[in-house]
């Protein structure tokens, strides 16, 4: 049975948005596993994710204060059906990212990250898949707010999709 995965980062609630859109909460509730790559901003959002998600994997980001840092790690690692995930908020500049992350996360198949609010989906020379879902609340210079969905099926990551958050 495939696992439905939700990748999200940079929610910035309540600074960039008072709350997450209904579409995002629906995706959280449908997912078997939710990855949040940091910049929650306030602990009540983490509480709500913990309440709604079947399984939550989270890290803190640079905009997360002491309460969130006390509850979340800087990096996380989890294996789902043989796929080894790592997650961190920041990976540094885009130039050289694949090689740098390969060296930092040698035991991962997939690295989930955030910070830039810019969606990213590449594979390093050694096969590390790097995924940044963008932001569902703050598009910055992007044409839309986003998150990602994927499947873990038969010990492989499949069906990675960038999903546009509909406004309205």
Protein backbone atom coordinates (compact mmCIF):
# COMPACT_ATOMS: atom_id res chain seq x y z
CA UNK A 1 0.00 0.00 0.00
CA UNK A 2 1.58 3.32 -1.04
CA UNK A 3 2.13 6.05 1.57
CA UNK A 4 0.78 9.49 0.72
CA UNK A 5 3.36 12.12 1.67
CA UNK A 6 2.87 15.87 2.15
CA UNK A 7 5.89 18.19 2.05
CA UNK A 8 5.42 21.69 3.42
CA UNK A 9 7.66 24.49 4.71
CA UNK A 10 7.67 28.17 5.55
CA UNK A 11 4.10 28.46 6.77
CA UNK A 12 4.92 31.62 8.78
CA UNK A 13 1.61 31.62 10.68
CA UNK A 14 0.52 34.15 11.90
CA UNK A 15 3.14 36.52 10.43
CA UNK A 16 2.59 35.98 6.66
CA UNK A 17 -0.92 34.56 6.96
CA UNK A 18 -3.36 34.47 9.86
CA UNK A 19 -4.05 30.80 9.16
CA UNK A 20 -3.37 28.08 6.65
CA UNK A 21 -5.81 27.78 3.74
CA UNK A 22 -8.45 25.04 3.95
CA UNK A 23 -6.81 23.33 0.95
CA UNK A 24 -3.60 22.89 2.94
CA UNK A 25 -5.39 21.50 6.01
CA UNK A 26 -7.24 19.05 3.74
CA UNK A 27 -3.89 17.88 2.34
CA UNK A 28 -2.54 17.46 5.90
CA UNK A 29 -5.52 15.33 6.87
CA UNK A 30 -5.27 13.14 3.71
CA UNK A 31 -1.54 12.46 4.08
CA UNK A 32 -0.15 9.40 5.78
CA UNK A 33 3.01 11.36 6.68
CA UNK A 34 3.50 15.14 6.79
CA UNK A 35 6.97 16.69 6.58
CA UNK A 36 7.26 20.34 7.72
CA UNK A 37 10.67 21.86 7.00
CA UNK A 38 10.50 24.75 9.45
CA UNK A 39 9.50 28.38 9.86
CA UNK A 40 6.28 27.59 11.67
CA UNK A 41 6.73 30.90 13.61
CA UNK A 42 4.41 30.12 16.56
CA UNK A 43 3.79 26.95 18.60
CA UNK A 44 -0.03 26.86 18.20
CA UNK A 45 0.50 25.96 14.53
CA UNK A 46 2.68 23.00 15.54
CA UNK A 47 -0.05 21.98 18.01
CA UNK A 48 -2.62 22.03 15.20
CA UNK A 49 -0.39 19.97 12.89
CA UNK A 50 0.14 17.44 15.68
CA UNK A 51 -3.61 17.22 16.15
CA UNK A 52 -4.48 16.83 12.45
CA UNK A 53 -1.60 14.83 10.96
CA UNK A 54 -1.48 11.03 11.19
CA UNK A 55 2.32 11.20 11.40
CA UNK A 56 4.31 14.45 11.56
CA UNK A 57 8.01 14.93 10.95
CA UNK A 58 9.13 18.48 11.69
CA UNK A 59 12.19 20.65 12.16
CA UNK A 60 12.60 24.23 13.29
CA UNK A 61 13.58 27.10 11.01
CA UNK A 62 15.41 30.38 11.42
CA UNK A 63 12.16 32.24 12.26
CA UNK A 64 11.19 29.79 15.00
CA UNK A 65 11.75 30.88 18.57
CA UNK A 66 12.75 29.11 21.75
CA UNK A 67 9.47 27.26 22.33
CA UNK A 68 9.53 25.65 18.87
CA UNK A 69 13.26 24.93 19.12
CA UNK A 70 12.63 23.15 22.42
CA UNK A 71 10.02 20.91 20.75
CA UNK A 72 11.61 20.31 17.34
CA UNK A 73 15.06 19.23 16.15
CA UNK A 74 17.26 21.16 13.72
CA UNK A 75 17.43 18.10 11.47
CA UNK A 76 15.28 14.99 11.25
CA UNK A 77 15.68 11.58 9.67
CA UNK A 78 13.06 8.90 9.10
CA UNK A 79 12.84 5.81 6.91
CA UNK A 80 9.48 5.07 5.27
CA UNK A 81 9.06 1.78 3.41
CA UNK A 82 12.82 1.67 2.74
CA UNK A 83 13.13 5.31 1.57
CA UNK A 84 15.52 7.26 3.81
CA UNK A 85 14.39 10.87 4.33
CA UNK A 86 16.38 13.67 5.93
CA UNK A 87 15.06 17.15 6.59
CA UNK A 88 16.54 20.52 7.50
CA UNK A 89 15.30 24.09 7.10
CA UNK A 90 18.31 25.68 5.37
CA UNK A 91 20.77 24.24 2.86
CA UNK A 92 22.61 27.45 1.92
CA UNK A 93 22.88 29.03 -1.51
CA UNK A 94 21.54 27.26 -4.60
CA UNK A 95 24.94 27.09 -6.26
CA UNK A 96 26.62 23.85 -5.23
CA UNK A 97 23.59 22.67 -3.23
CA UNK A 98 23.50 19.12 -4.60
CA UNK A 99 27.15 18.33 -3.85
CA UNK A 100 27.06 20.08 -0.47
CA UNK A 101 23.95 18.18 0.61
CA UNK A 102 25.32 14.87 -0.66
CA UNK A 103 28.27 15.35 1.69
CA UNK A 104 26.09 16.44 4.63
CA UNK A 105 23.42 13.74 4.26
CA UNK A 106 25.25 10.66 2.91
CA UNK A 107 22.70 8.23 4.37
CA UNK A 108 19.61 9.88 2.85
CA UNK A 109 17.74 9.11 -0.35
CA UNK A 110 15.62 12.28 -0.11
CA UNK A 111 16.39 15.64 1.51
CA UNK A 112 13.43 17.90 2.29
CA UNK A 113 14.27 21.55 2.98
CA UNK A 114 12.75 25.03 3.01
CA UNK A 115 13.87 28.60 3.75
CA UNK A 116 13.93 30.11 0.26
CA UNK A 117 10.17 29.77 -0.46
CA UNK A 118 11.33 28.67 -3.93
CA UNK A 119 10.22 25.21 -5.06
CA UNK A 120 13.16 22.93 -5.85
CA UNK A 121 13.33 19.40 -7.24
CA UNK A 122 16.71 18.09 -8.33
CA UNK A 123 18.80 14.95 -7.97
CA UNK A 124 22.48 15.03 -7.04
CA UNK A 125 25.12 13.08 -9.00
CA UNK A 126 25.01 10.31 -6.36
CA UNK A 127 21.20 10.11 -6.47
CA UNK A 128 20.10 12.27 -3.50
CA UNK A 129 16.71 13.81 -4.34
CA UNK A 130 16.43 17.38 -3.03
CA UNK A 131 12.91 18.75 -2.53
CA UNK A 132 11.78 22.19 -1.40
CA UNK A 133 7.98 22.56 -1.46
CA UNK A 134 8.01 26.38 -1.50
CA UNK A 135 5.59 28.14 0.85
CA UNK A 136 1.81 27.78 1.09
CA UNK A 137 1.43 31.32 2.49
CA UNK A 138 4.26 33.54 1.18
CA UNK A 139 5.18 33.18 -2.48
CA UNK A 140 7.86 35.89 -2.40
CA UNK A 141 9.05 36.17 -6.01
CA UNK A 142 7.25 33.00 -7.13
CA UNK A 143 4.09 33.03 -9.25
CA UNK A 144 2.13 31.06 -6.64
CA UNK A 145 2.10 29.65 -3.13
CA UNK A 146 2.87 25.93 -3.10
CA UNK A 147 3.40 22.64 -1.31
CA UNK A 148 4.37 19.18 -2.61
CA UNK A 149 2.80 15.74 -2.52
CA UNK A 150 4.45 12.40 -3.25
CA UNK A 151 4.07 8.67 -2.80
CA UNK A 152 6.38 6.17 -1.19
CA UNK A 153 5.67 2.90 -2.95
CA UNK A 154 7.74 -0.25 -3.12
CA UNK A 155 10.77 1.33 -1.46
CA UNK A 156 10.85 4.25 -3.88
CA UNK A 157 9.68 7.84 -4.01
CA UNK A 158 7.20 8.41 -6.82
CA UNK A 159 4.68 10.90 -8.11
CA UNK A 160 6.28 14.06 -6.71
CA UNK A 161 3.95 16.95 -7.54
CA UNK A 162 4.15 20.67 -6.88
CA UNK A 163 0.66 21.81 -5.87
CA UNK A 164 -0.55 25.38 -6.26
CA UNK A 165 -2.46 26.82 -3.31
CA UNK A 166 -5.70 28.25 -4.61
CA UNK A 167 -6.63 31.63 -3.20
CA UNK A 168 -10.18 32.50 -2.43
